[in-house]
Amino acid sequence: MKSNASKIINLDLRSRDIFKKIVETYLSTGNPIGSRTLSLIDEMGLSAATIRNVMQDLEGLGLIYSPHTSAGRIPTEGGLRLFVDAMLEIGNLNDIDQAAIKEQAKLKNISVQDALGRASEMLSGLTNCAGIVLAKKITKAIKHIEFVSLDKERALVVTVDVEGNVENRIIEKPDGLTQSALTEATNYLNHYIGGYTIEEYKGRVEKELNVKKSEIDKATSEIVSAGLAVWSNGNNLNEKQLIVRGASNLISDTEDVKNIDRIKVLFDDLENKQDIIQLLGLAEEADGVRIFIGSENKLFSLSGSSLIISPYKDNSQKVVGVLGVIGPTRLNYARVIPMVNYTAQMMEKILR
């Protein structure tokens, strides 16, 4: 298949104008447009027959197609991609949208967690799509930690942070571990861990264990290390939080039963979260907004949806998260792209 660059080069001015009008009509109305209707547009100044011939050429290039038996055409996903990459005119964010986003950045005494949730909710409300934020899970200082025996092979590690949030994870028991060793591990950690996050405390504990090898038996030392390690795996999906707001917008915008079934597949993927976390991870490597349209990515291959996302950074210019929207492929890209970009900028201000 020809690249978008070669396709746009091969289009003469007349073909570009007709293609652009077909896409713009589809994005604004969702309806196919035919050669006769296009010929009635004054700025076109072309006969229906001439337009019909051009439309046949555009269809041959895989840029437009007829959704049913009507003579009207709408863009393919490849056509939308070409339009977004080569023809879309992206202006500045309008004053109303800009003010709404700025208002969120002005909020005082708001936690980062609340700011992330508000960003997702705000994007959903402004775009009538699903707002989405992927961020590294915010770790709080630990107030209490406990080891609970589940069976001969497994133990449950329970942590309570300073805000009262409880989190549980299962680990494998070292060979020969007794109940007294679990109790000793619990007492040992609680003696030292207060006021530290798991990451902050992990290095300190490892040094302590090396110094006090003679005071702590091997099994206790192993269970302490295992209990901390289960929270320290940066590749663990549990270390990233996915915030989605307004997912119901994806269904409310869909009348076709077939499309609703496709959206349900997307919902299942969102619940699973592994695929979308991997997809959003691609944006962490990008500089600015990234756009995924329809089957360009595995996650949306069945849903007919688009994803517009942008990374945001902390004070050290390190990417710490991604935010954006999931919506139909028929999306107001000219409005949503600068909106996502501006929201990422505001999130960076909040994090400073």
Protein backbone atom coordinates (compact mmCIF):
# COMPACT_ATOMS: atom_id res chain seq x y z
CA MET A 1 0.00 0.00 0.00
CA LYS A 2 1.26 3.46 -0.82
CA SER A 3 2.32 5.72 2.01
CA ASN A 4 0.32 8.82 2.89
CA ALA A 5 3.16 10.96 1.59
CA SER A 6 3.01 9.40 -1.86
CA LYS A 7 -0.78 9.53 -1.94
CA ILE A 8 -0.95 13.25 -1.22
CA ILE A 9 1.73 13.93 -3.83
CA ASN A 10 -0.29 12.01 -6.42
CA LEU A 11 -3.41 14.11 -5.80
CA ASP A 12 -3.86 17.19 -7.96
CA LEU A 13 -5.47 20.32 -6.51
CA ARG A 14 -8.96 19.37 -7.75
CA SER A 15 -8.72 15.91 -6.17
CA ARG A 16 -7.46 17.36 -2.90
CA ASP A 17 -10.35 19.83 -2.74
CA ILE A 18 -12.95 17.13 -3.38
CA PHE A 19 -11.34 14.72 -0.92
CA LYS A 20 -11.11 17.41 1.74
CA LYS A 21 -14.79 18.32 1.31
CA ILE A 22 -15.82 14.65 1.61
CA VAL A 23 -13.86 14.27 4.85
CA GLU A 24 -15.07 17.55 6.34
CA THR A 25 -18.68 16.66 5.56
CA TYR A 26 -18.26 13.27 7.21
CA LEU A 27 -16.60 14.71 10.32
CA SER A 28 -19.32 17.33 10.78
CA THR A 29 -22.41 15.27 9.90
CA GLY A 30 -21.42 11.62 9.78
CA ASN A 31 -23.18 11.33 6.43
CA PRO A 32 -21.82 10.27 3.04
CA ILE A 33 -21.82 12.91 0.32
CA GLY A 34 -22.35 12.30 -3.39
CA SER A 35 -21.10 13.94 -6.56
CA ARG A 36 -24.38 15.76 -7.21
CA THR A 37 -24.38 17.39 -3.77
CA LEU A 38 -20.74 18.36 -4.17
CA SER A 39 -21.46 19.92 -7.56
CA LEU A 40 -24.00 22.26 -5.93
CA ILE A 41 -21.32 23.79 -3.72
CA ASP A 42 -20.40 27.11 -5.31
CA GLU A 43 -16.72 26.98 -4.38
CA MET A 44 -16.31 23.65 -6.19
CA GLY A 45 -17.41 24.96 -9.59
CA LEU A 46 -17.38 21.44 -11.05
CA SER A 47 -19.96 19.26 -12.76
CA ALA A 48 -21.33 16.14 -11.09
CA ALA A 49 -19.73 14.00 -13.82
CA THR A 50 -16.28 15.50 -13.23
CA ILE A 51 -16.60 15.03 -9.47
CA ARG A 52 -17.80 11.46 -9.96
CA ASN A 53 -14.66 10.62 -11.97
CA VAL A 54 -12.43 12.12 -9.27
CA MET A 55 -14.29 10.17 -6.58
CA GLN A 56 -13.63 6.95 -8.48
CA ASP A 57 -9.92 7.76 -8.49
CA LEU A 58 -9.98 8.52 -4.75
CA GLU A 59 -11.75 5.23 -4.12
CA GLY A 60 -9.10 3.44 -6.15
CA LEU A 61 -6.46 4.93 -3.87
CA GLY A 62 -8.28 3.53 -0.84
CA LEU A 63 -9.12 6.98 0.54
CA ILE A 64 -12.93 6.88 0.35
CA TYR A 65 -15.65 4.24 0.05
CA SER A 66 -19.41 3.85 -0.12
CA PRO A 67 -20.85 2.60 3.21
CA HIS A 68 -23.99 1.22 1.50
CA THR A 69 -25.66 1.20 -1.86
CA SER A 70 -26.00 4.99 -2.02
CA ALA A 71 -23.81 7.04 -4.33
CA GLY A 72 -22.35 8.95 -1.38
CA ARG A 73 -18.84 8.42 -0.09
CA ILE A 74 -17.10 8.71 3.28
CA PRO A 75 -13.38 8.47 4.11
CA THR A 76 -11.70 5.18 4.98
CA GLU A 77 -9.52 4.99 8.08
CA GLY A 78 -6.56 5.44 5.75
CA GLY A 79 -8.26 8.48 4.27
CA LEU A 80 -8.78 9.96 7.72
CA ARG A 81 -5.12 9.32 8.50
CA LEU A 82 -4.07 11.16 5.33
CA PHE A 83 -6.40 14.05 6.13
CA VAL A 84 -5.10 14.39 9.71
CA ASP A 85 -1.44 14.12 8.69
CA ALA A 86 -1.42 16.28 5.57
CA MET A 87 -4.53 18.45 5.31
CA LEU A 88 -5.93 19.17 8.76
CA GLU A 89 -5.70 22.81 9.78
CA ILE A 90 -5.15 22.96 13.53
CA GLY A 91 -5.66 26.39 15.04
CA ASN A 92 -5.38 27.69 18.58
CA LEU A 93 -7.69 26.43 21.28
CA ASN A 94 -10.77 28.63 21.53
CA ASP A 95 -11.13 30.94 24.54
CA ILE A 96 -13.94 28.95 26.19
CA ASP A 97 -12.07 25.63 26.11
CA GLN A 98 -8.83 27.29 27.17
CA ALA A 99 -10.52 28.98 30.14
CA ALA A 100 -12.12 25.72 31.27
CA ILE A 101 -8.78 23.92 31.26
CA LYS A 102 -6.93 26.82 32.92
CA GLU A 103 -9.48 26.85 35.72
CA GLN A 104 -8.44 23.34 36.69
CA ALA A 105 -4.79 24.36 36.86
CA LYS A 106 -5.62 27.24 39.23
CA LEU A 107 -7.14 24.97 41.90
CA LYS A 108 -5.19 25.20 45.15
CA ASN A 109 -4.58 22.49 47.75
CA ILE A 110 -5.46 19.75 45.31
CA SER A 111 -3.64 16.43 45.37
CA VAL A 112 -1.98 15.06 42.25
CA GLN A 113 -4.41 12.13 42.39
CA ASP A 114 -7.39 14.50 42.32
CA ALA A 115 -5.79 16.54 39.53
CA LEU A 116 -5.45 13.40 37.39
CA GLY A 117 -9.08 12.46 37.94
CA ARG A 118 -10.24 15.99 37.18
CA ALA A 119 -8.18 16.09 33.97
CA SER A 120 -9.78 12.87 32.73
CA GLU A 121 -13.26 14.07 33.67
CA MET A 122 -12.72 17.50 32.12
CA LEU A 123 -11.51 16.06 28.80
CA SER A 124 -14.53 13.78 28.74
CA GLY A 125 -16.90 16.66 29.38
CA LEU A 126 -15.37 19.02 26.81
CA THR A 127 -15.09 16.45 24.02
CA ASN A 128 -18.05 14.15 24.75
CA CYS A 129 -15.57 11.28 24.49
CA ALA A 130 -13.91 9.11 27.12
CA GLY A 131 -11.19 10.99 28.98
CA ILE A 132 -8.16 8.88 29.83
CA VAL A 133 -5.08 9.35 32.01
CA LEU A 134 -2.23 6.92 32.58
CA ALA A 135 0.13 7.77 35.42
CA LYS A 136 2.62 6.13 37.68
CA LYS A 137 0.83 5.08 40.81
CA ILE A 138 1.36 7.66 43.54
CA THR A 139 2.97 6.02 46.54
CA LYS A 140 2.18 7.22 50.04
CA ALA A 141 4.23 6.77 53.18
CA ILE A 142 3.45 3.48 54.90
CA LYS A 143 1.84 3.47 58.36
CA HIS A 144 1.65 -0.29 58.90
CA ILE A 145 2.67 -3.50 57.16
CA GLU A 146 1.75 -7.06 58.04
CA PHE A 147 2.41 -10.60 56.80
CA VAL A 148 -0.49 -13.06 56.98
CA SER A 149 -0.11 -16.77 56.24
CA LEU A 150 -2.50 -18.07 53.57
CA ASP A 151 -1.31 -21.66 53.20
CA LYS A 152 1.91 -23.66 53.20
CA GLU A 153 3.27 -21.92 50.12
CA ARG A 154 1.83 -18.39 50.14
CA ALA A 155 1.57 -15.35 52.39
CA LEU A 156 -0.40 -12.12 52.09
CA VAL A 157 1.41 -8.80 52.47
CA VAL A 158 -0.95 -6.10 53.75
CA THR A 159 0.04 -2.42 53.78
CA VAL A 160 -1.83 0.57 55.17
CA ASP A 161 -0.60 4.02 54.10
CA VAL A 162 -0.84 7.26 56.07
CA GLU A 163 -4.17 8.09 54.40
CA GLY A 164 -5.68 4.75 55.42
CA ASN A 165 -5.55 3.10 51.99
CA VAL A 166 -5.14 -0.67 52.22
CA GLU A 167 -3.34 -2.74 49.59
CA ASN A 168 -2.77 -6.50 49.49
CA ARG A 169 -0.36 -8.64 47.51
CA ILE A 170 0.42 -12.34 47.57
CA ILE A 171 3.98 -13.66 47.78
CA GLU A 172 5.53 -17.12 47.91
CA LYS A 173 6.84 -18.22 51.28
CA PRO A 174 10.53 -19.11 51.61
CA ASP A 175 11.18 -22.73 52.54
CA GLY A 176 11.04 -23.41 56.26
CA LEU A 177 9.12 -20.25 57.13
CA THR A 178 7.29 -20.46 60.46
CA GLN A 179 4.52 -18.36 61.95
CA SER A 180 7.02 -16.90 64.40
CA ALA A 181 9.17 -15.77 61.45
CA LEU A 182 6.14 -14.01 59.89
CA THR A 183 5.47 -12.27 63.19
CA GLU A 184 9.13 -11.28 63.52
CA ALA A 185 9.12 -9.89 59.94
CA THR A 186 5.98 -7.87 60.69
CA ASN A 187 7.43 -6.42 63.90
CA TYR A 188 10.79 -5.71 62.25
CA LEU A 189 9.30 -3.73 59.36
CA ASN A 190 6.83 -1.78 61.48
CA HIS A 191 9.66 -0.73 63.79
CA TYR A 192 11.45 1.00 60.92
CA ILE A 193 9.00 1.74 58.10
CA GLY A 194 6.78 4.47 59.58
CA GLY A 195 6.88 7.64 57.46
CA TYR A 196 8.62 6.06 54.46
CA THR A 197 7.31 4.84 51.12
CA ILE A 198 8.15 1.28 50.12
CA GLU A 199 10.70 2.53 47.58
CA GLU A 200 12.37 4.84 50.11
CA TYR A 201 12.48 2.12 52.72
CA LYS A 202 13.64 -0.76 50.52
CA GLY A 203 17.27 0.38 50.29
CA ARG A 204 17.43 1.10 53.99
CA VAL A 205 16.09 -2.33 54.92
CA GLU A 206 18.54 -4.12 52.62
CA LYS A 207 21.43 -2.40 54.41
CA GLU A 208 19.94 -3.22 57.82
CA LEU A 209 19.52 -6.87 56.88
CA ASN A 210 23.16 -7.13 55.81
CA VAL A 211 24.32 -5.59 59.09
CA LYS A 212 22.04 -7.69 61.31
CA LYS A 213 22.36 -11.08 59.66
CA SER A 214 23.26 -12.65 62.97
CA GLU A 215 20.21 -11.17 64.72
CA ILE A 216 17.55 -12.16 62.15
CA ASP A 217 17.13 -15.72 60.94
CA LYS A 218 17.39 -16.47 57.22
CA ALA A 219 13.67 -17.18 56.70
CA THR A 220 12.66 -13.88 58.30
CA SER A 221 15.20 -12.01 56.19
CA GLU A 222 13.88 -13.65 53.02
CA ILE A 223 10.22 -12.88 53.75
CA VAL A 224 11.08 -9.24 54.51
CA SER A 225 12.93 -8.92 51.20
CA ALA A 226 10.15 -10.67 49.28
CA GLY A 227 7.50 -8.47 50.86
CA LEU A 228 9.29 -5.31 49.76
CA ALA A 229 10.27 -6.61 46.32
CA VAL A 230 6.67 -7.29 45.31
CA TRP A 231 6.06 -3.51 45.42
CA SER A 232 9.29 -2.54 43.72
CA ASN A 233 8.87 -4.09 40.26
CA GLY A 234 8.59 -1.05 37.97
CA ASN A 235 7.28 -3.21 35.10
CA ASN A 236 4.33 -4.41 37.16
CA LEU A 237 1.01 -3.18 35.75
CA ASN A 238 -0.02 -2.46 39.33
CA GLU A 239 2.58 0.31 39.40
CA LYS A 240 0.57 2.29 36.85
CA GLN A 241 -2.92 3.62 37.32
CA LEU A 242 -5.39 4.00 34.49
CA ILE A 243 -8.13 6.60 34.99
CA VAL A 244 -11.04 6.58 32.53
CA ARG A 245 -13.98 8.97 32.75
CA GLY A 246 -17.01 9.21 30.47
CA ALA A 247 -16.69 5.78 28.87
CA SER A 248 -20.49 5.75 28.47
CA ASN A 249 -20.09 8.55 25.90
CA LEU A 250 -18.72 5.97 23.48
CA ILE A 251 -22.02 4.10 23.53
CA SER A 252 -24.34 7.12 23.67
CA ASP A 253 -22.76 8.34 20.42
CA THR A 254 -23.46 5.01 18.72
CA GLU A 255 -26.82 4.04 17.26
CA ASP A 256 -25.72 1.04 15.21
CA VAL A 257 -26.13 -2.18 17.23
CA LYS A 258 -23.11 -3.65 15.45
CA ASN A 259 -20.98 -0.71 16.58
CA ILE A 260 -22.24 -1.08 20.16
CA ASP A 261 -20.95 -4.65 20.16
CA ARG A 262 -17.57 -3.34 19.02
CA ILE A 263 -17.53 -0.75 21.80
CA LYS A 264 -18.22 -3.50 24.33
CA VAL A 265 -15.04 -5.20 23.12
CA LEU A 266 -13.21 -1.94 23.82
CA PHE A 267 -14.72 -1.81 27.32
CA ASP A 268 -13.40 -5.31 27.99
CA ASP A 269 -9.93 -4.18 26.91
CA LEU A 270 -10.15 -1.15 29.19
CA GLU A 271 -11.09 -3.40 32.09
CA ASN A 272 -8.14 -5.66 31.33
CA LYS A 273 -5.98 -2.51 30.98
CA GLN A 274 -2.82 -4.34 29.92
CA ASP A 275 -3.18 -3.61 26.20
CA ILE A 276 -4.04 0.05 26.65
CA ILE A 277 -1.22 0.60 29.14
CA GLN A 278 1.19 -0.79 26.56
CA LEU A 279 -0.35 1.41 23.88
CA LEU A 280 -0.25 4.52 26.02
CA GLY A 281 3.35 3.68 26.81
CA LEU A 282 4.16 4.44 23.17
CA ALA A 283 3.19 8.05 23.79
CA GLU A 284 5.77 8.32 26.55
CA GLU A 285 8.41 8.07 23.85
CA ALA A 286 6.82 10.83 21.75
CA ASP A 287 7.27 14.57 21.88
CA GLY A 288 3.77 16.01 21.68
CA VAL A 289 0.39 14.66 20.65
CA ARG A 290 0.04 11.21 19.08
CA ILE A 291 -3.03 10.08 17.14
CA PHE A 292 -4.13 6.48 16.60
CA ILE A 293 -7.02 5.96 14.18
CA GLY A 294 -9.06 2.76 14.07
CA SER A 295 -7.20 -0.38 13.06
CA GLU A 296 -3.78 1.32 13.24
CA ASN A 297 -3.52 -0.27 16.66
CA LYS A 298 -4.58 -3.65 17.99
CA LEU A 299 -6.72 -2.27 20.81
CA PHE A 300 -9.08 -0.34 18.54
CA SER A 301 -9.07 -2.68 15.56
CA LEU A 302 -12.61 -3.82 16.35
CA SER A 303 -14.09 -0.72 17.94
CA GLY A 304 -13.86 1.89 15.17
CA SER A 305 -12.37 4.31 17.68
CA SER A 306 -9.56 6.85 17.72
CA LEU A 307 -7.11 7.71 20.47
CA ILE A 308 -5.54 11.17 20.85
CA ILE A 309 -2.92 11.33 23.59
CA SER A 310 -0.03 13.44 24.83
CA PRO A 311 2.67 12.79 27.44
CA TYR A 312 3.21 15.18 30.34
CA LYS A 313 6.41 15.75 32.32
CA ASP A 314 7.55 16.61 35.83
CA ASN A 315 10.02 19.30 36.93
CA SER A 316 12.98 17.27 35.72
CA GLN A 317 11.42 16.97 32.24
CA LYS A 318 10.86 13.26 32.79
CA VAL A 319 7.67 11.84 31.29
CA VAL A 320 5.48 10.75 34.20
CA GLY A 321 2.18 10.09 32.45
CA VAL A 322 -0.05 10.28 29.41
CA LEU A 323 -3.49 11.84 28.97
CA GLY A 324 -6.01 12.18 26.18
CA VAL A 325 -9.33 10.96 24.83
CA ILE A 326 -10.87 7.91 23.22
CA GLY A 327 -13.60 8.74 20.75
CA PRO A 328 -15.14 7.67 17.46
CA THR A 329 -13.06 7.94 14.29
CA ARG A 330 -15.53 10.68 13.31
CA LEU A 331 -14.00 13.20 15.66
CA ASN A 332 -13.41 16.94 15.63
CA TYR A 333 -9.65 16.49 15.35
CA ALA A 334 -8.98 20.21 14.82
CA ARG A 335 -10.50 20.98 18.23
CA VAL A 336 -9.49 17.91 20.23
CA ILE A 337 -5.78 17.80 19.28
CA PRO A 338 -4.92 21.27 20.68
CA MET A 339 -7.18 20.57 23.67
CA VAL A 340 -5.24 17.45 24.62
CA ASN A 341 -1.95 19.27 24.08
CA TYR A 342 -3.02 22.22 26.26
CA THR A 343 -4.31 19.94 29.02
CA ALA A 344 -0.92 18.19 29.12
CA GLN A 345 0.75 21.60 29.50
CA MET A 346 -1.59 22.51 32.37
CA MET A 347 -0.92 19.18 34.07
CA GLU A 348 2.80 19.95 33.94
CA LYS A 349 2.11 23.28 35.69
CA ILE A 350 0.17 21.51 38.43
CA LEU A 351 3.09 19.14 39.01
CA ARG A 352 5.61 21.97 39.43
